[in-house]
Structures are given as structure tokens and as C-alpha cells.
Protein backbone atom coordinates (compact mmCIF):
# COMPACT_ATOMS: atom_id res chain seq x y z
CA MET A 1 12.16 9.60 -26.06
CA ILE A 2 13.38 7.52 -22.96
CA LEU A 3 10.40 8.59 -20.00
CA PRO A 4 11.84 8.84 -16.68
CA SER A 5 11.45 5.94 -14.45
CA HIS A 6 10.72 5.20 -11.10
CA PRO A 7 12.80 2.19 -9.18
CA ALA A 8 11.94 -1.22 -10.33
CA ARG A 9 9.88 -2.29 -7.10
CA SER A 10 7.65 0.70 -7.26
CA TRP A 11 5.69 -0.60 -10.28
CA GLN A 12 6.61 -4.10 -10.97
CA PRO A 13 4.70 -5.65 -7.93
CA ALA A 14 1.17 -3.57 -9.55
CA LEU A 15 1.91 -5.01 -13.29
CA ALA A 16 2.74 -8.36 -11.91
CA MET A 17 -0.72 -8.19 -9.64
CA ILE A 18 -2.92 -6.92 -12.68
CA VAL A 19 -0.90 -9.63 -15.07
CA GLY A 20 -2.38 -12.31 -12.64
CA VAL A 21 -5.73 -11.14 -12.57
CA ALA A 22 -6.23 -10.49 -16.73
CA LEU A 23 -4.72 -14.29 -17.29
CA VAL A 24 -7.22 -15.74 -14.76
CA GLU A 25 -9.80 -13.97 -15.01
CA ARG A 26 -9.77 -14.71 -18.96
CA LEU A 27 -9.02 -18.63 -18.23
CA ALA A 28 -12.11 -18.38 -16.26
CA LEU A 29 -13.82 -16.97 -19.55
CA ALA A 30 -12.87 -19.03 -21.55
CA TRP A 31 -13.95 -22.18 -19.48
CA LEU A 32 -17.33 -20.67 -18.15
CA TYR A 33 -18.08 -19.13 -21.60
CA PRO A 34 -17.52 -20.25 -24.92
CA VAL A 35 -17.11 -18.67 -28.20
CA ARG A 36 -20.32 -16.88 -29.61
CA ALA A 37 -21.67 -16.10 -32.70
CA PHE A 38 -24.05 -13.22 -33.47
CA SER A 39 -26.24 -12.47 -36.11
CA ASP A 40 -23.31 -9.68 -37.16
CA THR A 41 -20.84 -12.07 -37.35
CA GLY A 42 -22.08 -13.76 -40.82
CA ALA A 43 -21.58 -10.84 -42.31
CA TYR A 44 -17.80 -10.09 -41.07
CA ARG A 45 -17.40 -13.81 -41.96
CA ARG A 46 -18.53 -13.34 -45.47
CA ALA A 47 -16.14 -10.49 -46.02
CA ALA A 48 -13.15 -12.78 -44.12
CA GLN A 49 -13.78 -15.29 -47.03
CA SER A 50 -13.93 -12.75 -49.61
CA ILE A 51 -10.37 -11.08 -48.22
CA ALA A 52 -9.00 -14.66 -47.77
CA SER A 53 -9.61 -15.30 -51.76
CA GLY A 54 -9.06 -12.08 -53.42
CA TRP A 55 -11.90 -10.10 -52.76
CA SER A 56 -14.16 -11.74 -55.01
CA HIS A 57 -17.85 -11.35 -53.98
CA TYR A 58 -16.85 -8.87 -51.49
CA ASP A 59 -20.18 -7.07 -50.64
CA GLY A 60 -18.85 -4.17 -49.27
CA VAL A 61 -21.25 -4.73 -46.30
CA ARG A 62 -18.38 -4.08 -43.69
CA THR A 63 -15.24 -2.37 -43.46
CA PRO A 64 -12.04 -4.55 -43.84
CA GLY A 65 -10.35 -4.41 -40.03
CA TYR A 66 -12.53 -6.98 -38.27
CA PRO A 67 -13.04 -9.51 -41.49
CA ALA A 68 -8.85 -9.53 -42.11
CA PHE A 69 -8.68 -9.66 -38.26
CA LEU A 70 -10.59 -13.13 -38.73
CA ALA A 71 -9.11 -14.17 -42.17
CA LEU A 72 -5.78 -13.81 -40.15
CA TRP A 73 -6.52 -16.31 -36.96
CA GLY A 74 -8.74 -18.61 -38.97
CA GLY A 75 -11.30 -20.47 -36.18
CA ASP A 76 -13.38 -19.13 -34.24
CA ALA A 77 -11.47 -20.90 -31.19
CA ARG A 78 -7.92 -18.97 -32.40
CA VAL A 79 -9.75 -15.71 -32.71
CA TYR A 80 -11.19 -16.10 -29.38
CA LEU A 81 -7.79 -16.98 -27.97
CA ALA A 82 -6.34 -13.70 -30.16
CA GLN A 83 -9.06 -11.49 -28.59
CA LEU A 84 -8.24 -12.39 -24.76
CA GLY A 85 -4.65 -11.46 -25.97
CA LEU A 86 -5.96 -8.21 -27.50
CA GLY A 87 -7.41 -7.67 -23.78
CA VAL A 88 -4.67 -8.61 -21.59
CA THR A 89 -3.20 -5.70 -24.11
CA ILE A 90 -5.62 -3.45 -23.28
CA THR A 91 -4.99 -4.06 -19.94
CA LEU A 92 -1.58 -3.06 -19.98
CA ILE A 93 -1.62 -0.18 -21.64
CA PHE A 94 -4.31 1.22 -19.31
CA PHE A 95 -1.55 0.18 -16.44
CA PHE A 96 0.98 2.00 -17.90
CA LEU A 97 -1.14 4.59 -18.81
CA GLY A 98 -3.04 5.45 -15.42
CA TRP A 99 0.77 5.05 -14.03
CA ARG A 100 2.40 7.59 -16.16
CA LEU A 101 -0.26 9.77 -16.17
CA TRP A 102 -0.66 10.30 -12.16
CA ARG A 103 2.74 8.66 -11.14
CA SER A 104 1.61 6.60 -8.96
CA PRO A 105 1.37 2.37 -10.35
CA VAL A 106 -1.41 1.80 -7.59
CA LEU A 107 -3.34 4.19 -9.98
CA GLY A 108 -2.31 2.26 -12.89
CA LEU A 109 -3.47 -0.69 -11.22
CA ALA A 110 -6.77 1.03 -10.46
CA ALA A 111 -7.37 2.03 -13.92
CA ALA A 112 -6.20 -1.01 -15.48
CA LEU A 113 -8.44 -3.01 -12.94
CA ALA A 114 -11.53 -0.75 -14.13
CA HIS A 115 -10.80 -1.99 -18.09
CA THR A 116 -9.87 -5.65 -17.39
CA LEU A 117 -13.12 -6.59 -14.64
CA ASN A 118 -15.56 -4.85 -16.23
CA LEU A 119 -17.70 -7.80 -17.47
CA GLY A 120 -19.13 -5.87 -20.58
CA GLN A 121 -15.30 -5.64 -22.22
CA LEU A 122 -14.78 -9.24 -21.21
CA PHE A 123 -17.80 -10.71 -22.66
CA PHE A 124 -17.09 -8.91 -25.79
CA GLU A 125 -13.88 -10.91 -26.12
CA ALA A 126 -15.50 -13.93 -26.51
CA HIS A 127 -17.96 -12.33 -29.06
CA LEU A 128 -17.26 -12.52 -32.86
CA LEU A 129 -17.86 -9.09 -32.67
CA SER A 130 -15.39 -6.21 -33.60
CA GLU A 131 -16.32 -4.43 -30.10
CA THR A 132 -12.85 -5.53 -28.87
CA LEU A 133 -10.52 -4.91 -31.64
CA ALA A 134 -12.24 -1.12 -32.23
CA THR A 135 -11.40 -0.86 -28.00
CA PHE A 136 -7.88 -2.10 -28.89
CA TRP A 137 -7.21 0.66 -31.86
CA VAL A 138 -9.10 3.52 -29.74
CA VAL A 139 -6.88 2.58 -26.46
CA VAL A 140 -3.62 2.41 -29.19
CA SER A 141 -4.27 5.57 -30.83
CA LEU A 142 -5.06 7.37 -27.24
CA GLY A 143 -1.98 5.57 -25.66
CA LEU A 144 0.16 7.07 -28.46
CA ALA A 145 -1.71 10.33 -27.47
CA TRP A 146 -0.24 10.32 -23.94
CA ALA A 147 3.29 9.64 -24.72
CA TRP A 148 3.10 12.68 -27.29
CA PHE A 149 2.86 15.01 -24.38
CA GLU A 150 5.58 13.60 -22.44
CA VAL A 151 8.11 12.86 -25.17
CA ALA A 152 10.70 16.05 -26.54
CA PRO A 153 9.16 18.14 -29.03
CA ARG A 154 11.52 16.13 -32.12
CA TRP A 155 10.34 12.77 -31.46
CA ARG A 156 6.13 13.96 -31.83
CA PRO A 157 5.41 13.62 -35.42
CA TRP A 158 6.54 10.22 -35.35
CA LEU A 159 4.40 9.10 -32.08
CA GLY A 160 1.73 11.14 -34.71
CA LEU A 161 2.42 8.76 -37.14
CA GLY A 162 1.20 5.94 -34.76
CA VAL A 163 -1.88 7.54 -34.04
CA GLY A 164 -2.90 8.63 -36.96
CA ILE A 165 -2.30 4.70 -38.12
CA SER A 166 -4.22 3.30 -35.00
CA ALA A 167 -6.78 5.43 -35.21
CA ALA A 168 -7.79 5.24 -39.15
CA LEU A 169 -7.68 1.27 -38.27
CA ALA A 170 -10.12 2.05 -35.81
CA GLY A 171 -12.28 3.16 -38.34
CA LEU A 172 -11.97 0.56 -40.63
CA THR A 173 -12.91 -1.49 -37.83
CA ARG A 174 -15.91 0.36 -36.69
CA PRO A 175 -16.79 2.67 -39.12
CA LEU A 176 -17.67 5.50 -36.43
CA PHE A 177 -14.49 6.22 -35.75
CA VAL A 178 -13.73 7.54 -39.18
CA PHE A 179 -13.29 10.94 -37.76
CA LEU A 180 -10.34 9.92 -34.68
CA PRO A 181 -7.09 10.31 -36.81
CA PHE A 182 -8.66 13.70 -38.33
CA TRP A 183 -9.61 15.00 -34.55
CA LEU A 184 -7.02 13.55 -32.64
CA GLY A 185 -4.84 14.72 -34.93
CA LEU A 186 -6.15 18.82 -34.62
CA ALA A 187 -6.40 18.47 -31.05
CA LEU A 188 -2.88 17.15 -30.12
CA ALA A 189 -1.65 20.21 -32.97
CA LEU A 190 -3.77 22.84 -31.38
CA MET A 191 -2.28 21.55 -27.59
CA PRO A 192 0.62 24.29 -28.19
CA VAL A 193 -1.71 26.53 -29.44
CA LEU A 194 -4.45 26.52 -26.68
CA SER A 195 -1.87 27.34 -23.44
CA ALA A 196 0.22 30.09 -25.10
CA HIS A 197 -0.10 33.34 -24.74
CA GLY A 198 -0.49 36.80 -26.47
CA GLY A 199 -2.60 37.48 -29.57
CA LEU A 200 -4.01 34.75 -31.59
CA ARG A 201 -1.53 35.45 -34.40
CA GLN A 202 1.11 34.75 -32.01
CA ARG A 203 -0.20 31.37 -30.50
CA LEU A 204 -0.87 30.03 -33.35
CA CYS A 205 2.92 30.19 -34.27
CA SER A 206 3.03 27.44 -31.75
CA LEU A 207 0.58 25.27 -34.08
CA GLU A 208 2.43 21.68 -34.12
CA TRP A 209 2.05 21.60 -38.23
CA ARG A 210 4.55 18.36 -37.99
CA THR A 211 2.11 16.68 -35.35
CA LEU A 212 -0.92 17.40 -37.95
CA LEU A 213 0.58 16.04 -40.83
CA ALA A 214 1.97 13.41 -39.24
CA VAL A 215 -1.95 12.48 -37.50
CA VAL A 216 -3.53 13.22 -40.88
CA LEU A 217 -1.84 12.44 -43.45
CA PRO A 218 -1.50 8.59 -43.14
CA ALA A 219 -4.70 8.08 -41.79
CA ALA A 220 -5.89 10.26 -45.71
CA VAL A 221 -4.45 7.63 -47.40
CA LEU A 222 -5.51 4.64 -45.90
CA ILE A 223 -9.46 5.51 -45.21
CA GLY A 224 -9.28 7.45 -48.66
CA ALA A 225 -7.74 4.41 -50.32
CA TRP A 226 -10.62 2.02 -49.23
CA MET A 227 -13.15 4.04 -50.17
CA ALA A 228 -11.66 4.48 -53.46
CA PHE A 229 -12.23 1.16 -53.18
CA ILE A 230 -15.78 1.38 -52.38
CA HIS A 231 -16.27 4.25 -55.46
CA ALA A 232 -14.74 1.68 -57.98
CA ARG A 233 -16.25 -1.19 -56.85
CA PHE A 234 -19.84 0.22 -55.73
CA GLY A 235 -20.32 3.74 -57.08
CA MET A 236 -20.39 5.34 -53.63
CA TRP A 237 -18.22 7.74 -51.66
CA ASN A 238 -18.56 6.03 -48.31
CA VAL A 239 -16.72 2.93 -45.84
CA THR A 240 -19.56 1.17 -46.81
CA THR A 241 -22.34 0.19 -48.87
CA MET A 242 -24.82 0.66 -45.94
CA THR A 243 -25.50 4.50 -45.69
CA GLY A 244 -29.61 4.49 -46.68
CA TYR A 245 -29.83 1.07 -44.57
CA ASN A 246 -28.16 3.22 -41.01
CA LEU A 247 -30.25 6.65 -42.08
CA ILE A 248 -33.25 4.62 -41.68
CA GLN A 249 -32.42 4.12 -38.56
CA HIS A 250 -32.79 7.60 -37.53
CA THR A 251 -35.77 8.46 -40.27
CA GLY A 252 -37.90 5.41 -40.36
CA TYR A 253 -39.68 6.21 -37.18
CA TYR A 254 -41.65 9.01 -39.28
CA PHE A 255 -41.34 7.28 -42.94
CA GLU A 256 -45.23 8.12 -43.41
CA TYR A 257 -43.50 11.45 -44.88
CA VAL A 258 -41.98 9.82 -48.40
CA PRO A 259 -43.94 11.07 -51.23
CA ASP A 260 -45.75 8.96 -52.60
CA GLU A 261 -43.38 8.71 -55.80
CA TYR A 262 -41.88 5.81 -53.51
CA ALA A 263 -45.44 4.42 -51.63
CA ALA A 264 -44.10 0.63 -52.60
CA LEU A 265 -40.76 1.24 -50.47
CA ARG A 266 -42.99 3.71 -48.19
CA ASP A 267 -46.08 1.14 -47.48
CA VAL A 268 -44.00 -1.83 -46.87
CA TYR A 269 -40.98 -0.48 -44.62
CA LEU A 270 -43.90 0.91 -42.76
CA ARG A 271 -45.76 -2.58 -42.06
CA TYR A 272 -42.18 -3.97 -40.54
CA ARG A 273 -41.53 -1.00 -38.61
CA ASP A 274 -45.12 -1.22 -37.14
CA ALA A 275 -44.73 -4.79 -36.22
CA ARG A 276 -41.10 -3.97 -34.53
CA MET A 277 -42.67 -1.63 -32.74
CA ALA A 278 -45.48 -3.69 -31.34
CA GLN A 279 -43.72 -6.20 -30.47
CA TYR A 280 -40.45 -4.91 -28.89
CA GLY A 281 -41.50 -0.96 -29.10
CA THR A 282 -38.99 0.30 -31.10
CA GLN A 283 -38.54 0.41 -34.76
CA THR A 284 -34.50 -0.13 -34.23
CA ASN A 285 -33.53 -3.31 -37.10
CA ALA A 286 -36.60 -3.61 -38.73
CA ILE A 287 -34.63 -2.87 -41.70
CA TRP A 288 -33.24 -6.08 -41.85
CA GLN A 289 -36.18 -8.03 -42.20
CA ALA A 290 -38.22 -5.53 -44.91
CA ILE A 291 -34.94 -5.02 -47.34
CA PRO A 292 -36.12 -8.56 -49.03
CA GLU A 293 -40.04 -7.21 -49.69
CA MET A 294 -38.72 -3.61 -50.39
CA MET A 295 -36.16 -5.06 -52.69
CA GLN A 296 -39.58 -7.09 -54.73
CA ALA A 297 -41.70 -4.07 -54.20
CA SER A 298 -39.26 -1.55 -55.76
CA GLY A 299 -37.13 -3.13 -58.12
CA LEU A 300 -34.12 -2.31 -56.92
CA GLY A 301 -31.02 -4.18 -56.23
CA PHE A 302 -29.36 -4.32 -52.33
CA TYR A 303 -26.99 -1.40 -53.78
CA ASP A 304 -29.64 0.48 -55.81
CA LEU A 305 -31.98 0.53 -52.77
CA SER A 306 -29.33 2.27 -50.05
CA ARG A 307 -28.58 4.88 -52.26
CA THR A 308 -32.48 5.53 -52.82
CA LEU A 309 -32.43 5.40 -48.72
CA ALA A 310 -30.02 7.47 -48.20
CA ARG A 311 -31.59 9.96 -50.39
CA LEU A 312 -35.14 9.64 -49.20
CA SER A 313 -33.50 9.71 -45.75
CA TRP A 314 -31.37 12.93 -46.24
CA GLN A 315 -34.39 14.83 -47.46
CA LEU A 316 -36.58 13.49 -44.28
CA ILE A 317 -33.54 15.05 -42.22
CA ARG A 318 -34.22 18.22 -44.39
CA GLU A 319 -37.63 19.09 -43.89
CA PRO A 320 -38.24 19.36 -40.95
CA PRO A 321 -35.39 18.79 -39.49
CA THR A 322 -36.93 18.92 -35.44
CA LEU A 323 -37.82 15.09 -36.10
CA TYR A 324 -34.49 14.32 -36.93
CA LEU A 325 -32.96 16.41 -34.02
CA HIS A 326 -35.34 14.50 -31.63
CA TYR A 327 -33.84 11.18 -32.24
CA VAL A 328 -30.21 12.19 -32.39
CA LEU A 329 -30.86 13.62 -28.79
CA LYS A 330 -32.72 10.41 -28.16
CA GLY A 331 -29.23 8.26 -29.61
CA TRP A 332 -27.01 10.48 -27.59
CA TRP A 333 -28.58 9.45 -24.51
CA LEU A 334 -28.67 5.72 -25.38
CA PHE A 335 -24.69 6.25 -25.70
CA TRP A 336 -24.54 6.41 -21.73
CA ARG A 337 -26.40 3.47 -21.03
CA ALA A 338 -22.98 1.25 -20.39
CA PRO A 339 -24.94 -1.95 -21.67
CA ILE A 340 -23.15 -5.18 -20.85
CA VAL A 341 -24.12 -7.52 -23.41
CA TRP A 342 -24.07 -11.39 -22.65
CA VAL A 343 -25.55 -14.41 -24.04
CA ALA A 344 -26.92 -16.59 -20.13
CA GLU A 345 -27.71 -19.88 -22.57
CA ASN A 346 -23.73 -19.35 -23.73
CA PHE A 347 -22.96 -19.93 -19.87
CA ARG A 348 -21.62 -23.41 -18.93
CA LEU A 349 -22.56 -23.40 -14.84
CA PRO A 350 -25.72 -22.54 -15.38
CA ALA A 351 -25.75 -22.55 -11.15
CA LEU A 352 -23.33 -19.49 -10.75
CA LEU A 353 -26.01 -17.71 -13.13
CA PRO A 354 -27.85 -15.84 -10.56
CA TRP A 355 -24.46 -14.70 -8.95
CA VAL A 356 -23.37 -13.55 -12.45
CA THR A 357 -26.42 -11.98 -13.43
CA GLY A 358 -26.37 -9.66 -9.63
CA LEU A 359 -23.04 -8.80 -10.84
CA ILE A 360 -23.65 -7.27 -14.10
CA TRP A 361 -26.71 -5.54 -12.42
CA VAL A 362 -24.20 -3.72 -10.09
CA GLU A 363 -21.29 -3.29 -12.65
CA ARG A 364 -24.29 -1.68 -14.95
CA GLY A 365 -25.43 0.46 -12.06
CA ILE A 366 -21.58 1.83 -11.28
CA LEU A 367 -20.63 2.36 -15.07
CA PHE A 368 -24.03 4.03 -15.98
CA ALA A 369 -23.46 6.64 -12.27
CA THR A 370 -19.65 7.16 -14.00
CA ASN A 371 -20.71 8.26 -16.95
CA LEU A 372 -23.24 10.57 -15.54
CA LEU A 373 -20.45 11.85 -13.32
CA PHE A 374 -18.08 12.19 -16.85
CA LEU A 375 -20.86 14.50 -18.09
CA VAL A 376 -21.81 16.66 -15.01
CA GLY A 377 -17.97 16.75 -14.34
CA SER A 378 -16.35 17.48 -17.74
CA ALA A 379 -19.39 20.09 -18.96
CA GLY A 380 -18.41 22.13 -15.83
CA TRP A 381 -15.18 21.63 -16.63
CA PHE A 382 -14.72 22.70 -19.65
CA LEU A 383 -17.62 25.26 -19.27
CA LEU A 384 -16.87 27.00 -15.88
CA PRO A 385 -13.49 28.40 -15.56
CA ARG A 386 -13.77 28.59 -12.47
CA VAL A 387 -13.54 24.48 -11.62
CA ARG A 388 -10.29 24.81 -13.87
CA ARG A 389 -8.86 26.82 -11.75
CA GLY A 390 -9.83 24.87 -8.22
CA LEU A 391 -9.21 21.25 -10.50
CA PRO A 392 -6.36 21.51 -12.76
CA LEU A 393 -6.52 18.80 -14.78
CA HIS A 394 -3.33 17.55 -17.25
CA PRO A 395 -4.11 18.54 -20.93
CA TYR A 396 -4.58 15.00 -21.77
CA GLN A 397 -7.29 14.51 -19.87
CA ALA A 398 -8.54 17.57 -21.52
CA LEU A 399 -8.14 15.77 -24.38
CA LEU A 400 -9.80 12.62 -23.35
CA ALA A 401 -12.71 14.01 -22.35
CA ALA A 402 -13.08 16.14 -25.52
CA THR A 403 -12.90 13.04 -27.15
CA VAL A 404 -15.14 11.13 -25.97
CA TRP A 405 -17.46 13.99 -26.28
CA VAL A 406 -16.92 14.26 -29.84
CA THR A 407 -17.53 10.91 -30.17
CA SER A 408 -21.05 10.52 -28.35
CA VAL A 409 -22.12 13.04 -30.85
CA VAL A 410 -20.93 11.77 -33.51
CA GLN A 411 -22.16 8.26 -33.10
CA THR A 412 -25.83 9.18 -33.03
CA LEU A 413 -25.71 11.27 -36.38
CA PRO A 414 -25.79 8.53 -38.74
CA ASP A 415 -27.31 6.00 -37.21
CA HIS A 416 -29.94 4.66 -34.42
CA GLY A 417 -30.44 1.93 -32.32
CA ASP A 418 -27.18 0.33 -31.71
CA ASN A 419 -26.37 3.57 -29.64
CA PRO A 420 -25.50 1.87 -26.06
CA ARG A 421 -23.40 -0.77 -27.93
CA PHE A 422 -21.17 2.69 -29.24
CA LEU A 423 -19.56 3.72 -26.06
CA VAL A 424 -17.44 0.10 -25.34
CA PRO A 425 -14.65 1.44 -27.00
CA MET A 426 -14.61 4.23 -25.20
CA GLN A 427 -16.25 3.51 -21.52
CA SER A 428 -13.12 2.78 -19.93
CA LEU A 429 -11.43 5.57 -21.15
CA VAL A 430 -14.78 7.17 -19.26
CA VAL A 431 -14.23 5.72 -16.34
CA ILE A 432 -10.44 6.71 -16.32
CA TRP A 433 -11.02 10.71 -16.64
CA VAL A 434 -13.48 10.07 -13.82
CA LEU A 435 -10.83 8.85 -11.52
CA GLY A 436 -8.42 11.54 -12.98
CA LEU A 437 -11.42 13.32 -11.74
CA GLY A 438 -11.19 11.86 -8.29
CA VAL A 439 -7.38 12.68 -7.85
CA ALA A 440 -7.77 15.90 -8.70
CA PHE A 441 -10.21 15.93 -5.95
CA TRP A 442 -7.68 14.68 -3.76
CA LYS A 443 -4.63 16.42 -4.44
CA ARG A 444 -6.76 19.49 -3.47
CA TRP A 445 -7.91 17.87 -0.50
CA GLN A 446 -4.21 17.32 0.87
CA ALA A 447 -3.15 20.95 -0.34
CA ARG A 448 -5.73 22.34 1.83
CA ARG A 449 -4.87 20.30 4.76
CA LYS A 450 -1.51 21.41 5.10
CA PRO A 451 -1.00 24.65 7.11
């Protein structure tokens, strides 16, 4: 199971450099930018308190991953320190991933710097939100997926076990990633099938069924147990009690079509929606202000209101589906906008704000251009055999690109509004893929230069 090693001198300087950069950068962040709570933080804290007290008063609003992390570390300062530690760990994973993928410590250094110098990732390490922990579990699962390609077949089920557990923990941290272990299990199991020769029956004989079971079974147990807990407590088969409130982020744009039977709910929501759109140009998150009055107008409790809104939203999605698909497509496009979430007032040295703001705009421009390059490059690579022949990529890079594409579609189906934030755990993976595309172009150019 031991991977082949390069001479110590070939990778240790690069490793020392990235560790130094990551630590110095985070020391500067801790001094310049204190830990910061957001409107979502309160729900995480309530869930953390519930976990610490034996799940009493748990409201089902948040999945347990990040609340358990808060309960484990306690005070905000310790959580901040732990998230900085996760950031350094993620950086090191990217270093080893780039090094082993392209057999170059320099490219490993580039991959690690692409993550650790991304201010969008760095600021989230100071925020009491789930992005950094979700990024950690996503990167761990995909890092183990890379190791799956590297090791002898007899070790693959054991790595699959790690992939399944870490991907399930990503899903229990951000519900968006509930699909991830099942997708990775299927994708890894099919890798030998896709590269095999012969007829379909012969190729299916090479299916890595042990990997499939090793990835999917622990994930199914973890996620299934959590869903059973939610069902036992709240009567809903889901990972949270928020389905109706999430779906209305889509269907709220055309909530006028709700039947008159639910006019009380409809009219209250439309009033809040229109006020939100007049102020911000979008109805995103109008539901959170509307909930108390909607409960009062309908006589429904918090959970019954969620069930009712889910039922109404499914009805609106079916009739007509074109309106829903319009906002699904819009949410998919918003996913790629490369946000950098920060609070300028939280910065301790106001004199540096113009420089930081300028750097943020530069980074956003670079990341958005990288995202566009990923969309065009990966689509061309998947769809055009000539491109695949001319730019042969490692199968892992195909898995990486496919995972990002699947995430971009899955994230927009149940929710609309915070789509740019949903990219955060995947952003560095997009950059890694584009870097790999550049490496493939370089190798092709070098090959053409040889006589």
C-alpha cells in the first residue's frame, strides 16, 4: 500500500514552504480579522447546545455535523483555532494531491497555494459557518479517492470505507453533499468498467463491487440513521425539517399560483416577497422574515408549515415545470460566481481595507475566469473524443470534473438564493482541475517540440 517515494530533497522544500505560508497567513488572519458570527450561526449554536445536553430541545433545523464540531470545541476562540487548523490540513492535502497526481512537488506547491491564498476560503475559517468543515470532509473524501487509484486492488475496499465515511460526514455537515458518498461509490466502482475492453457483459465483470459496498454501506448507515432520527422526532423522512422553507426559495418567485385554498399563506408570503424584491431585487431569504406571520395566519406550527410549503412547492414545480426549471438554471449559473464572503467592519486595520478590497476583486475575477475555463474545458473533454485523445487526463481528473458537475446540478434543485456559497467547498477542486488541464497542454506542447 506504500506509494512510491521521491528523494526527500525533491519535496521537502516545497512542503516546508507551503506550511510556512499557510501558518503565517493564518496568524495574520487571526490578528487582523476576529472570529465572526452570522445570522445562520444562531441555529448552529442552538443545535450544539442541544447535542451537549443530550439532544434535548433539538429543532431539526441543522444537520449535526457542524453543531457537533461547535459542541466539541466549545468557545468561539477555540472553534476559530480549530477551523484554522482545518485550513492548514486542507492545504497539505492539496499539496500531496498535486504532487502525487502530476509527480511534481512544484505542482503540488501550486495546488496548495491555489487553496491557501484564496481569500474566499481563508475568511470562512474565521466565520462561524459550516463551509470550512464541509470543505475539509469533501477534500478528505476526494483525497482518499485519489489514493484509491494509486494502491493495489486488495487495498481499495479499505480506502472505499474511508471515502464513504468522510463523504457521509460532508453530507451531515452540508445537506447538499448527502449525494456524495453514493455518487463516489458508483463512480469508483465503474472506473475499471469504463476502461475495460470487450462487450458490456465482459466489461461489467470488472465492476469494483467491493469498493461500491465499502463506500455506500457505511454512508447509508450514517445518513439513514440520521434520517430515521429526524423521522422519529419530527415525522419527516429527510436530513432536516427545512424542506418546505428551502423549496420556497425556488417557488416563491411564482407563489401567486398557489390555490385559493391557501390564500392566507399565499398573501402573507407575497407581501414579504414583494418587499424583499423592492429592496434587494431578489426574493432570496424572504421566507425567514415571513415565517412568524405565516404561522399566525394559518394556525400551523413551524414543522407543519414546512410540510405544507413542501407540498405546495411540489405542486408548483409540477404545474408548470418550466417556471421551476427557469430558476433551477438561474441557480446553476449563480453557483459559478466565485463569492468571497467577508465583513469589512470586522477588519482591525482600516488603512488596509482598500488594498484588501482590491485584492478580493482581483481574486474573484481570476476565480470566475477559472470557473468559466472549467465549464468550457471539462464539457469539451467529456463530449468530444478528439479532445480526450489530444489531452489525455488521469481518470481521477475525470472523476473530479464529473463530481463538480454533479454538485452544480444537485445544489440548485432544492434551493435557490445561496447558490454561490454552495461552490465554496468545491472551488479549489475546480482550480485543481484547470491546473491539470494546463499540465496536459504543457506536456502536449513539449511532446510536439521533440524531433
